[in-house]
Amino acid sequence: MKKIIPAQEGDYYLSPEGYRVFTEQYHLKRGYCCKSGCRHCPYGYDKNKD
């Protein structure tokens, strides 16, 4: 079961289209890569290469 990490200030921002974009800070708190090609992935995942 995945651990739920509550979002705090600095964990995300809203894109011009209104989407929630998670920051590197949030990804590091979560502790793993979801392999979705996140914009601020600190784990080096690139969905175009994998």
C-alpha atoms as a PDB file:
ATOM      1  CA  MET A   1       0.000   0.000   0.000  1.00  0.00           C
ATOM      2  CA  LYS A   2       1.372   3.418  -0.942  1.00  0.00           C
ATOM      3  CA  LYS A   3       1.956   5.967   1.785  1.00  0.00           C
ATOM      4  CA  ILE A   4      -0.139   9.144   1.475  1.00  0.00           C
ATOM      5  CA  ILE A   5       1.992  12.290   1.705  1.00  0.00           C
ATOM      6  CA  PRO A   6      -0.041  15.420   2.462  1.00  0.00           C
ATOM      7  CA  ALA A   7       0.866  18.309   0.146  1.00  0.00           C
ATOM      8  CA  GLN A   8       2.383  21.317   1.873  1.00  0.00           C
ATOM      9  CA  GLU A   9       3.457  24.754   0.672  1.00  0.00           C
ATOM     10  CA  GLY A  10       6.175  24.423  -1.961  1.00  0.00           C
ATOM     11  CA  ASP A  11       5.155  20.892  -2.954  1.00  0.00           C
ATOM     12  CA  TYR A  12       3.278  21.979  -6.074  1.00  0.00           C
ATOM     13  CA  TYR A  13       2.179  24.920  -8.176  1.00  0.00           C
ATOM     14  CA  LEU A  14      -0.670  25.418 -10.625  1.00  0.00           C
ATOM     15  CA  SER A  15       0.150  25.459 -14.326  1.00  0.00           C
ATOM     16  CA  PRO A  16      -1.454  28.088 -16.578  1.00  0.00           C
ATOM     17  CA  GLU A  17      -3.915  25.367 -17.637  1.00  0.00           C
ATOM     18  CA  GLY A  18      -4.908  24.784 -13.999  1.00  0.00           C
ATOM     19  CA  TYR A  19      -3.075  21.491 -13.416  1.00  0.00           C
ATOM     20  CA  ARG A  20      -1.255  20.758 -10.155  1.00  0.00           C
ATOM     21  CA  VAL A  21       2.467  20.346 -10.953  1.00  0.00           C
ATOM     22  CA  PHE A  22       4.467  18.637  -8.210  1.00  0.00           C
ATOM     23  CA  THR A  23       7.915  20.015  -7.438  1.00  0.00           C
ATOM     24  CA  GLU A  24      11.165  18.177  -6.796  1.00  0.00           C
ATOM     25  CA  GLN A  25      10.586  18.821  -3.077  1.00  0.00           C
ATOM     26  CA  TYR A  26       7.390  16.752  -3.136  1.00  0.00           C
ATOM     27  CA  HIS A  27       8.912  13.917  -5.167  1.00  0.00           C
ATOM     28  CA  LEU A  28      11.807  13.618  -2.715  1.00  0.00           C
ATOM     29  CA  LYS A  29       9.377  13.485   0.225  1.00  0.00           C
ATOM     30  CA  ARG A  30       7.403  10.762  -1.533  1.00  0.00           C
ATOM     31  CA  GLY A  31      10.603   8.746  -1.893  1.00  0.00           C
ATOM     32  CA  TYR A  32      10.150   6.914  -5.204  1.00  0.00           C
ATOM     33  CA  CYS A  33       9.694   7.478  -8.933  1.00  0.00           C
ATOM     34  CA  CYS A  34       6.212   6.800 -10.322  1.00  0.00           C
ATOM     35  CA  LYS A  35       7.592   6.596 -13.915  1.00  0.00           C
ATOM     36  CA  SER A  36       4.966   8.984 -15.261  1.00  0.00           C
ATOM     37  CA  GLY A  37       7.478  11.425 -16.741  1.00  0.00           C
ATOM     38  CA  CYS A  38       6.922  14.157 -14.152  1.00  0.00           C
ATOM     39  CA  ARG A  39       8.304  17.568 -15.073  1.00  0.00           C
ATOM     40  CA  HIS A  40      10.404  17.897 -11.900  1.00  0.00           C
ATOM     41  CA  CYS A  41      11.453  14.265 -11.371  1.00  0.00           C
ATOM     42  CA  PRO A  42      14.628  14.155  -9.221  1.00  0.00           C
ATOM     43  CA  TYR A  43      15.173  10.454 -10.003  1.00  0.00           C
ATOM     44  CA  GLY A  44      16.278  10.962 -13.612  1.00  0.00           C
ATOM     45  CA  TYR A  45      13.415   9.058 -15.225  1.00  0.00           C
ATOM     46  CA  ASP A  46      12.809   9.970 -18.869  1.00  0.00           C
ATOM     47  CA  LYS A  47       9.702   8.386 -20.386  1.00  0.00           C
ATOM     48  CA  ASN A  48      11.111   8.965 -23.880  1.00  0.00           C
ATOM     49  CA  LYS A  49      14.092   6.707 -23.145  1.00  0.00           C
ATOM     50  CA  ASP A  50      12.366   3.926 -21.187  1.00  0.00           C
END
